Amino acid sequence: MHPPVLLVFHQVGKYSAKSQTAKVADLTRWHGQGSRQHLESFRSYDGRIPIVATTPELLREHGPAGPAFRRFGRDHRERLLDAIGNSRRDVTLARRRAEAREAQRQEAREEAEAEWAARKAGGWLGRWPT
């Protein structure tokens, strides 16, 4: 995993911060763009560099913990940790882990019930001292 790059664009000279951000985003597209995963609801950013941009104005408006950051390759502003992360992947993988744990619990319950039914059918419960 590569460390994130944070760029802060400020209006200097005749070029606007917005146009400079768009130009850098276009020039670095390959380095940060994720790839759509087959049959998945998220993009994979494995082997990519998270490039995140903002402006001093957005930082003043939203603060460093607010939605002032835009990761190149995405079309919306996010909080910094969301911008450098992959929340859709994290949610999908957490859901899969939870489903796998539930399937294991269900399998254990079914095995216990089957064992109980077998012991009960074998008559061993009737031989227990009362």
C-alpha atoms as a PDB file:
ATOM      1  CA  MET A   1       0.000   0.000   0.000  1.00  0.00           C
ATOM      2  CA  HIS A   2       1.317   3.413  -0.920  1.00  0.00           C
ATOM      3  CA  PRO A   3       1.145   6.395   1.412  1.00  0.00           C
ATOM      4  CA  PRO A   4      -1.398   9.059   0.463  1.00  0.00           C
ATOM      5  CA  VAL A   5      -0.403  12.312  -1.187  1.00  0.00           C
ATOM      6  CA  LEU A   6      -2.252  15.436  -0.047  1.00  0.00           C
ATOM      7  CA  LEU A   7      -2.174  18.459  -2.336  1.00  0.00           C
ATOM      8  CA  VAL A   8      -3.446  21.876  -1.269  1.00  0.00           C
ATOM      9  CA  PHE A   9      -4.147  24.113  -4.262  1.00  0.00           C
ATOM     10  CA  HIS A  10      -4.040  27.856  -3.699  1.00  0.00           C
ATOM     11  CA  GLN A  11      -4.859  30.649  -6.160  1.00  0.00           C
ATOM     12  CA  VAL A  12      -1.527  32.009  -7.382  1.00  0.00           C
ATOM     13  CA  GLY A  13      -1.113  33.984 -10.585  1.00  0.00           C
ATOM     14  CA  LYS A  14      -3.527  33.772 -13.478  1.00  0.00           C
ATOM     15  CA  TYR A  15      -4.457  30.081 -13.077  1.00  0.00           C
ATOM     16  CA  SER A  16      -7.296  29.200 -10.716  1.00  0.00           C
ATOM     17  CA  ALA A  17      -6.919  26.522  -8.086  1.00  0.00           C
ATOM     18  CA  LYS A  18      -9.841  24.679  -9.685  1.00  0.00           C
ATOM     19  CA  SER A  19      -8.202  24.520 -13.119  1.00  0.00           C
ATOM     20  CA  GLN A  20      -4.867  23.464 -11.635  1.00  0.00           C
ATOM     21  CA  THR A  21      -6.573  20.746  -9.597  1.00  0.00           C
ATOM     22  CA  ALA A  22      -8.311  19.433 -12.718  1.00  0.00           C
ATOM     23  CA  LYS A  23      -5.055  19.440 -14.696  1.00  0.00           C
ATOM     24  CA  VAL A  24      -3.111  17.557 -12.006  1.00  0.00           C
ATOM     25  CA  ALA A  25      -6.003  15.111 -11.579  1.00  0.00           C
ATOM     26  CA  ASP A  26      -5.944  14.402 -15.295  1.00  0.00           C
ATOM     27  CA  LEU A  27      -2.161  13.992 -15.427  1.00  0.00           C
ATOM     28  CA  THR A  28      -2.103  11.615 -12.444  1.00  0.00           C
ATOM     29  CA  ARG A  29      -5.239   9.645 -13.300  1.00  0.00           C
ATOM     30  CA  TRP A  30      -3.437   6.327 -13.768  1.00  0.00           C
ATOM     31  CA  HIS A  31      -1.624   6.550 -10.416  1.00  0.00           C
ATOM     32  CA  GLY A  32      -4.727   6.909  -8.282  1.00  0.00           C
ATOM     33  CA  GLN A  33      -7.631   5.542 -10.304  1.00  0.00           C
ATOM     34  CA  GLY A  34      -9.200   2.420  -8.915  1.00  0.00           C
ATOM     35  CA  SER A  35     -10.410  -0.497 -10.979  1.00  0.00           C
ATOM     36  CA  ARG A  36     -13.956  -1.838 -10.866  1.00  0.00           C
ATOM     37  CA  GLN A  37     -14.090  -5.312  -9.384  1.00  0.00           C
ATOM     38  CA  HIS A  38     -16.147  -7.902 -11.238  1.00  0.00           C
ATOM     39  CA  LEU A  39     -19.515  -8.366  -9.492  1.00  0.00           C
ATOM     40  CA  GLU A  40     -18.483  -6.085  -6.621  1.00  0.00           C
ATOM     41  CA  SER A  41     -19.909  -2.813  -5.350  1.00  0.00           C
ATOM     42  CA  PHE A  42     -16.515  -1.211  -4.828  1.00  0.00           C
ATOM     43  CA  ARG A  43     -13.346  -0.277  -6.667  1.00  0.00           C
ATOM     44  CA  SER A  44      -9.954  -1.729  -5.841  1.00  0.00           C
ATOM     45  CA  TYR A  45      -7.146   0.731  -5.255  1.00  0.00           C
ATOM     46  CA  ASP A  46      -4.506  -1.941  -4.688  1.00  0.00           C
ATOM     47  CA  GLY A  47      -1.142  -0.763  -5.973  1.00  0.00           C
ATOM     48  CA  ARG A  48      -2.426   2.773  -6.475  1.00  0.00           C
ATOM     49  CA  ILE A  49      -1.393   6.015  -4.811  1.00  0.00           C
ATOM     50  CA  PRO A  50      -4.228   7.839  -3.020  1.00  0.00           C
ATOM     51  CA  ILE A  51      -3.953  11.428  -4.256  1.00  0.00           C
ATOM     52  CA  VAL A  52      -6.188  13.824  -2.354  1.00  0.00           C
ATOM     53  CA  ALA A  53      -6.672  17.541  -3.021  1.00  0.00           C
ATOM     54  CA  THR A  54      -8.213  20.497  -1.255  1.00  0.00           C
ATOM     55  CA  THR A  55      -7.970  24.270  -1.066  1.00  0.00           C
ATOM     56  CA  PRO A  56      -7.349  26.617   1.874  1.00  0.00           C
ATOM     57  CA  GLU A  57     -10.896  27.960   1.392  1.00  0.00           C
ATOM     58  CA  LEU A  58     -12.432  24.488   1.808  1.00  0.00           C
ATOM     59  CA  LEU A  59     -10.286  23.872   4.878  1.00  0.00           C
ATOM     60  CA  ARG A  60     -11.465  27.165   6.407  1.00  0.00           C
ATOM     61  CA  GLU A  61     -15.096  26.375   5.548  1.00  0.00           C
ATOM     62  CA  HIS A  62     -15.228  22.739   6.723  1.00  0.00           C
ATOM     63  CA  GLY A  63     -12.177  22.394   8.956  1.00  0.00           C
ATOM     64  CA  PRO A  64      -9.569  19.638   8.693  1.00  0.00           C
ATOM     65  CA  ALA A  65     -12.057  16.991   9.901  1.00  0.00           C
ATOM     66  CA  GLY A  66     -14.852  18.014   7.518  1.00  0.00           C
ATOM     67  CA  PRO A  67     -15.688  17.135   3.909  1.00  0.00           C
ATOM     68  CA  ALA A  68     -12.966  19.359   2.430  1.00  0.00           C
ATOM     69  CA  PHE A  69     -11.027  16.710   0.481  1.00  0.00           C
ATOM     70  CA  ARG A  70     -11.498  15.141  -2.930  1.00  0.00           C
ATOM     71  CA  ARG A  71      -9.667  12.020  -3.942  1.00  0.00           C
ATOM     72  CA  PHE A  72      -8.657  12.063  -7.594  1.00  0.00           C
ATOM     73  CA  GLY A  73     -10.867   9.616  -9.451  1.00  0.00           C
ATOM     74  CA  ARG A  74     -13.910  10.376  -7.286  1.00  0.00           C
ATOM     75  CA  ASP A  75     -16.483  13.063  -7.962  1.00  0.00           C
ATOM     76  CA  HIS A  76     -17.354  14.222  -4.448  1.00  0.00           C
ATOM     77  CA  ARG A  77     -15.720  15.756  -1.381  1.00  0.00           C
ATOM     78  CA  GLU A  78     -15.153  13.632   1.710  1.00  0.00           C
ATOM     79  CA  ARG A  79     -13.535  13.698   5.113  1.00  0.00           C
ATOM     80  CA  LEU A  80      -9.790  13.007   4.862  1.00  0.00           C
ATOM     81  CA  LEU A  81      -9.884   9.472   6.287  1.00  0.00           C
ATOM     82  CA  ASP A  82     -12.735   8.561   3.934  1.00  0.00           C
ATOM     83  CA  ALA A  83     -10.880  10.065   0.982  1.00  0.00           C
ATOM     84  CA  ILE A  84      -7.703   8.067   1.574  1.00  0.00           C
ATOM     85  CA  GLY A  85      -9.586   4.903   2.475  1.00  0.00           C
ATOM     86  CA  ASN A  86     -12.008   2.672   0.635  1.00  0.00           C
ATOM     87  CA  SER A  87     -15.157   2.659   2.756  1.00  0.00           C
ATOM     88  CA  ARG A  88     -17.276   0.698   0.250  1.00  0.00           C
ATOM     89  CA  ARG A  89     -14.705  -2.109   0.226  1.00  0.00           C
ATOM     90  CA  ASP A  90     -14.462  -2.023   4.025  1.00  0.00           C
ATOM     91  CA  VAL A  91     -18.265  -2.283   4.386  1.00  0.00           C
ATOM     92  CA  THR A  92     -18.468  -5.116   1.839  1.00  0.00           C
ATOM     93  CA  LEU A  93     -15.681  -7.109   3.500  1.00  0.00           C
ATOM     94  CA  ALA A  94     -17.128  -6.532   6.996  1.00  0.00           C
ATOM     95  CA  ARG A  95     -20.529  -7.756   5.779  1.00  0.00           C
ATOM     96  CA  ARG A  96     -18.923 -10.871   4.300  1.00  0.00           C
ATOM     97  CA  ARG A  97     -17.074 -11.587   7.558  1.00  0.00           C
ATOM     98  CA  ALA A  98     -20.318 -11.173   9.534  1.00  0.00           C
ATOM     99  CA  GLU A  99     -22.174 -13.488   7.126  1.00  0.00           C
ATOM    100  CA  ALA A 100     -19.398 -16.097   7.414  1.00  0.00           C
ATOM    101  CA  ARG A 101     -19.507 -15.922  11.237  1.00  0.00           C
ATOM    102  CA  GLU A 102     -23.302 -16.300  11.195  1.00  0.00           C
ATOM    103  CA  ALA A 103     -23.032 -19.273   8.813  1.00  0.00           C
ATOM    104  CA  GLN A 104     -20.531 -20.917  11.182  1.00  0.00           C
ATOM    105  CA  ARG A 105     -22.826 -20.313  14.167  1.00  0.00           C
ATOM    106  CA  GLN A 106     -25.784 -21.725  12.241  1.00  0.00           C
ATOM    107  CA  GLU A 107     -23.760 -24.789  11.236  1.00  0.00           C
ATOM    108  CA  ALA A 108     -22.696 -25.329  14.874  1.00  0.00           C
ATOM    109  CA  ARG A 109     -26.337 -25.030  16.024  1.00  0.00           C
ATOM    110  CA  GLU A 110     -27.463 -27.543  13.396  1.00  0.00           C
ATOM    111  CA  GLU A 111     -24.701 -29.981  14.390  1.00  0.00           C
ATOM    112  CA  ALA A 112     -25.631 -29.666  18.072  1.00  0.00           C
ATOM    113  CA  GLU A 113     -29.315 -30.219  17.298  1.00  0.00           C
ATOM    114  CA  ALA A 114     -28.492 -33.250  15.146  1.00  0.00           C
ATOM    115  CA  GLU A 115     -26.287 -34.691  17.903  1.00  0.00           C
ATOM    116  CA  TRP A 116     -29.017 -34.090  20.475  1.00  0.00           C
ATOM    117  CA  ALA A 117     -31.606 -35.755  18.260  1.00  0.00           C
ATOM    118  CA  ALA A 118     -29.299 -38.739  17.697  1.00  0.00           C
ATOM    119  CA  ARG A 119     -28.639 -39.154  21.420  1.00  0.00           C
ATOM    120  CA  LYS A 120     -32.311 -38.773  22.207  1.00  0.00           C
ATOM    121  CA  ALA A 121     -33.258 -41.333  19.557  1.00  0.00           C
ATOM    122  CA  GLY A 122     -30.591 -43.702  20.898  1.00  0.00           C
ATOM    123  CA  GLY A 123     -32.332 -43.780  24.238  1.00  0.00           C
ATOM    124  CA  TRP A 124     -29.416 -42.611  26.350  1.00  0.00           C
ATOM    125  CA  LEU A 125     -31.527 -39.890  27.964  1.00  0.00           C
ATOM    126  CA  GLY A 126     -33.803 -42.521  29.458  1.00  0.00           C
ATOM    127  CA  ARG A 127     -30.861 -44.187  31.194  1.00  0.00           C
ATOM    128  CA  TRP A 128     -29.817 -41.069  33.073  1.00  0.00           C
ATOM    129  CA  PRO A 129     -30.276 -41.315  36.834  1.00  0.00           C
ATOM    130  CA  THR A 130     -33.027 -39.112  38.149  1.00  0.00           C
END
